[in-house]
Amino acid sequence: MRSAFFLGVLTLAAWTVGFFRPAYRLGAATAWGLTVLAYGLLWSGVQVRGLVARGRSPYDQILKVPVYKRRRPADLVRCERTFGRKVYTPGDFDHTVRPLLLTLIHHRLAFGGVAFEDEADSPSRPLDEELSGLIGGAPAATLYGRNLLSSDIDRMLHLIEGI
C-alpha cells in the first residue's frame, strides 16, 4: 500500500513538473524513471532478503537437531524439597523424611545383602542399629530426642547406600 502511494505521488509530481514547465519534461521523466527503477530494485532486494531470512527449507528443518527440554523426575523434585531444610523436628522427620528413607531402605533390601537380627540363619551381615530403629517404627523423639539436622539425614543416606 505504501509502495502504491509513493509511486502515485512520484508520478503526480513528474506530471506536475511536465505540465507547468514543458522545458523540463525530459528531465522530469528521466528522474521519474530512475527513481521508480531504484525503488523497484530496493523493494525486490528487501523481499528476497525476507524470504531468505525466514525461509528454511524442509530439508534443513529435518537435519536440525531437536532441542529437548530435560524434565526432572517428580520423585527427585520431592526428595530435594523434603531434604532441602536444615533442621527437622521429630514430628516433621516422622511425617516427611522417614517415609522416603523407608522407601529407600526397602528398595535396597530388595536386592539382598543385609539381614535383620531375627534372621540368624542368613549369611548376610546385620542391618545397622540406626536403620533398624527407623524400620522398627519408633518415633524420632524416642530415637533421637532432639531436632535432626541435615547432617544426620546425610549420615542416614550414607548408611542406606552402604546396604
Protein backbone atom coordinates (compact mmCIF):
# COMPACT_ATOMS: atom_id res chain seq x y z
CA MET A 1 0.00 0.00 0.00
CA ARG A 2 2.85 2.38 0.82
CA SER A 3 4.52 1.47 -2.47
CA ALA A 4 1.45 2.41 -4.49
CA PHE A 5 1.11 5.68 -2.57
CA PHE A 6 4.79 6.51 -3.10
CA LEU A 7 4.66 5.73 -6.82
CA GLY A 8 1.42 7.70 -7.20
CA VAL A 9 2.90 10.78 -5.52
CA LEU A 10 6.06 10.46 -7.63
CA THR A 11 4.05 10.19 -10.84
CA LEU A 12 1.86 13.14 -9.89
CA ALA A 13 4.98 15.23 -9.15
CA ALA A 14 6.54 14.32 -12.52
CA TRP A 15 3.33 15.21 -14.40
CA THR A 16 3.02 18.46 -12.49
CA VAL A 17 6.58 19.46 -13.40
CA GLY A 18 5.98 18.43 -17.02
CA PHE A 19 2.69 20.38 -17.18
CA PHE A 20 3.89 23.64 -15.64
CA ARG A 21 7.46 23.56 -17.03
CA PRO A 22 7.36 22.00 -20.50
CA ALA A 23 11.10 22.55 -20.95
CA TYR A 24 11.80 20.16 -18.06
CA ARG A 25 9.58 17.28 -19.29
CA LEU A 26 12.54 15.15 -20.38
CA GLY A 27 14.35 15.73 -17.07
CA ALA A 28 11.18 15.02 -15.03
CA ALA A 29 10.53 11.80 -17.00
CA THR A 30 14.16 10.70 -16.58
CA ALA A 31 14.13 11.44 -12.85
CA TRP A 32 10.81 9.63 -12.53
CA GLY A 33 12.11 6.57 -14.37
CA LEU A 34 15.36 6.37 -12.38
CA THR A 35 13.50 6.81 -9.09
CA VAL A 36 11.00 4.07 -9.97
CA LEU A 37 13.85 1.78 -11.05
CA ALA A 38 15.82 2.40 -7.84
CA TYR A 39 12.70 1.92 -5.72
CA GLY A 40 11.85 -1.30 -7.56
CA LEU A 41 15.35 -2.69 -7.05
CA LEU A 42 15.32 -1.77 -3.38
CA TRP A 43 11.87 -3.26 -2.85
CA SER A 44 12.74 -6.54 -4.61
CA GLY A 45 16.00 -6.82 -2.65
CA VAL A 46 14.13 -6.41 0.63
CA GLN A 47 11.58 -9.03 -0.42
CA VAL A 48 14.26 -11.56 -1.43
CA ARG A 49 16.18 -10.94 1.79
CA GLY A 50 12.98 -11.50 3.77
CA LEU A 51 12.46 -14.84 2.05
CA VAL A 52 15.99 -15.99 2.78
CA ALA A 53 15.87 -14.88 6.42
CA ARG A 54 12.60 -16.59 7.31
CA GLY A 55 12.55 -19.44 4.83
CA ARG A 56 14.31 -22.60 5.87
CA SER A 57 13.95 -25.48 3.55
CA PRO A 58 12.19 -28.63 4.75
CA TYR A 59 15.50 -30.44 4.29
CA ASP A 60 17.25 -28.04 6.70
CA GLN A 61 14.48 -28.49 9.25
CA ILE A 62 14.78 -32.28 9.08
CA LEU A 63 18.52 -32.07 9.67
CA LYS A 64 18.08 -29.70 12.60
CA VAL A 65 18.74 -31.44 15.91
CA PRO A 66 15.65 -31.15 18.10
CA VAL A 67 16.12 -29.40 21.42
CA TYR A 68 14.69 -31.48 24.21
CA LYS A 69 13.83 -29.85 27.47
CA ARG A 70 15.12 -32.00 30.26
CA ARG A 71 12.40 -32.79 32.74
CA ARG A 72 13.26 -33.56 36.30
CA PRO A 73 11.55 -36.66 37.71
CA ALA A 74 8.82 -35.90 40.21
CA ASP A 75 10.44 -38.17 42.83
CA LEU A 76 13.69 -36.23 42.61
CA VAL A 77 11.91 -32.89 42.97
CA ARG A 78 10.01 -34.22 46.00
CA CYS A 79 13.21 -35.53 47.61
CA GLU A 80 15.03 -32.25 47.05
CA ARG A 81 12.13 -30.33 48.55
CA THR A 82 11.97 -32.67 51.52
CA PHE A 83 15.72 -32.85 52.19
CA GLY A 84 16.27 -29.16 51.47
CA ARG A 85 15.66 -27.92 55.01
CA LYS A 86 18.40 -27.53 57.61
CA VAL A 87 16.55 -28.62 60.77
CA TYR A 88 13.76 -31.17 61.23
CA THR A 89 11.61 -31.50 64.32
CA PRO A 90 10.93 -35.12 65.33
CA GLY A 91 7.34 -34.73 64.07
CA ASP A 92 8.49 -33.36 60.72
CA PHE A 93 11.01 -36.15 60.44
CA ASP A 94 8.40 -38.83 61.12
CA HIS A 95 5.91 -37.27 58.74
CA THR A 96 8.05 -36.25 55.74
CA VAL A 97 11.55 -37.71 55.85
CA ARG A 98 11.01 -41.17 57.37
CA PRO A 99 8.65 -42.42 54.61
CA LEU A 100 11.25 -41.52 51.99
CA LEU A 101 14.04 -43.17 53.95
CA LEU A 102 11.92 -46.29 54.49
CA THR A 103 11.23 -46.47 50.76
CA LEU A 104 14.96 -46.25 50.07
CA ILE A 105 15.78 -48.89 52.71
CA HIS A 106 13.18 -51.34 51.39
CA HIS A 107 14.40 -50.76 47.86
CA ARG A 108 17.99 -51.53 48.88
CA LEU A 109 16.92 -54.54 50.95
CA ALA A 110 15.08 -55.95 47.96
CA PHE A 111 18.46 -56.65 46.39
CA GLY A 112 19.69 -58.59 49.43
CA GLY A 113 22.97 -58.43 51.29
CA VAL A 114 21.63 -57.39 54.71
CA ALA A 115 19.66 -59.40 57.20
CA PHE A 116 17.55 -58.39 60.17
CA GLU A 117 18.58 -59.57 63.64
CA ASP A 118 15.82 -62.21 63.69
CA GLU A 119 17.25 -63.90 60.59
CA ALA A 120 20.12 -65.68 62.35
CA ASP A 121 20.50 -68.35 59.68
CA SER A 122 21.20 -65.79 56.96
CA PRO A 123 24.87 -65.48 55.94
CA SER A 124 24.43 -61.73 55.37
CA ARG A 125 25.69 -59.07 57.74
CA PRO A 126 23.13 -57.50 60.10
CA LEU A 127 21.41 -54.19 59.40
CA ASP A 128 22.83 -51.08 61.08
CA GLU A 129 21.35 -50.21 64.50
CA GLU A 130 20.13 -46.78 63.42
CA LEU A 131 18.44 -48.13 60.29
CA SER A 132 16.84 -50.91 62.31
CA GLY A 133 15.37 -48.24 64.58
CA LEU A 134 13.99 -46.40 61.57
CA ILE A 135 12.36 -49.56 60.23
CA GLY A 136 11.08 -50.51 63.68
CA GLY A 137 8.72 -47.57 63.71
CA ALA A 138 9.85 -46.00 66.96
CA PRO A 139 9.11 -42.26 66.94
CA ALA A 140 12.01 -39.96 66.17
CA ALA A 141 11.56 -38.28 69.57
CA THR A 142 12.48 -41.56 71.31
CA LEU A 143 15.25 -42.45 68.86
CA TYR A 144 16.97 -39.06 68.77
CA GLY A 145 15.20 -36.92 71.39
CA ARG A 146 16.11 -33.68 69.59
CA ASN A 147 15.76 -31.89 66.30
CA LEU A 148 17.52 -33.62 63.47
CA LEU A 149 19.96 -31.74 61.26
CA SER A 150 20.60 -32.22 57.58
CA SER A 151 23.94 -33.79 58.53
CA ASP A 152 22.00 -36.52 60.40
CA ILE A 153 19.94 -37.19 57.29
CA ASP A 154 23.14 -37.27 55.24
CA ARG A 155 24.61 -39.85 57.61
CA MET A 156 21.46 -42.00 57.28
CA LEU A 157 21.61 -41.79 53.50
CA HIS A 158 25.24 -42.94 53.53
CA LEU A 159 24.24 -45.88 55.71
CA ILE A 160 21.44 -46.73 53.28
CA GLU A 161 23.87 -46.56 50.36
CA GLY A 162 26.11 -49.00 52.19
CA ILE A 163 23.41 -51.66 52.24
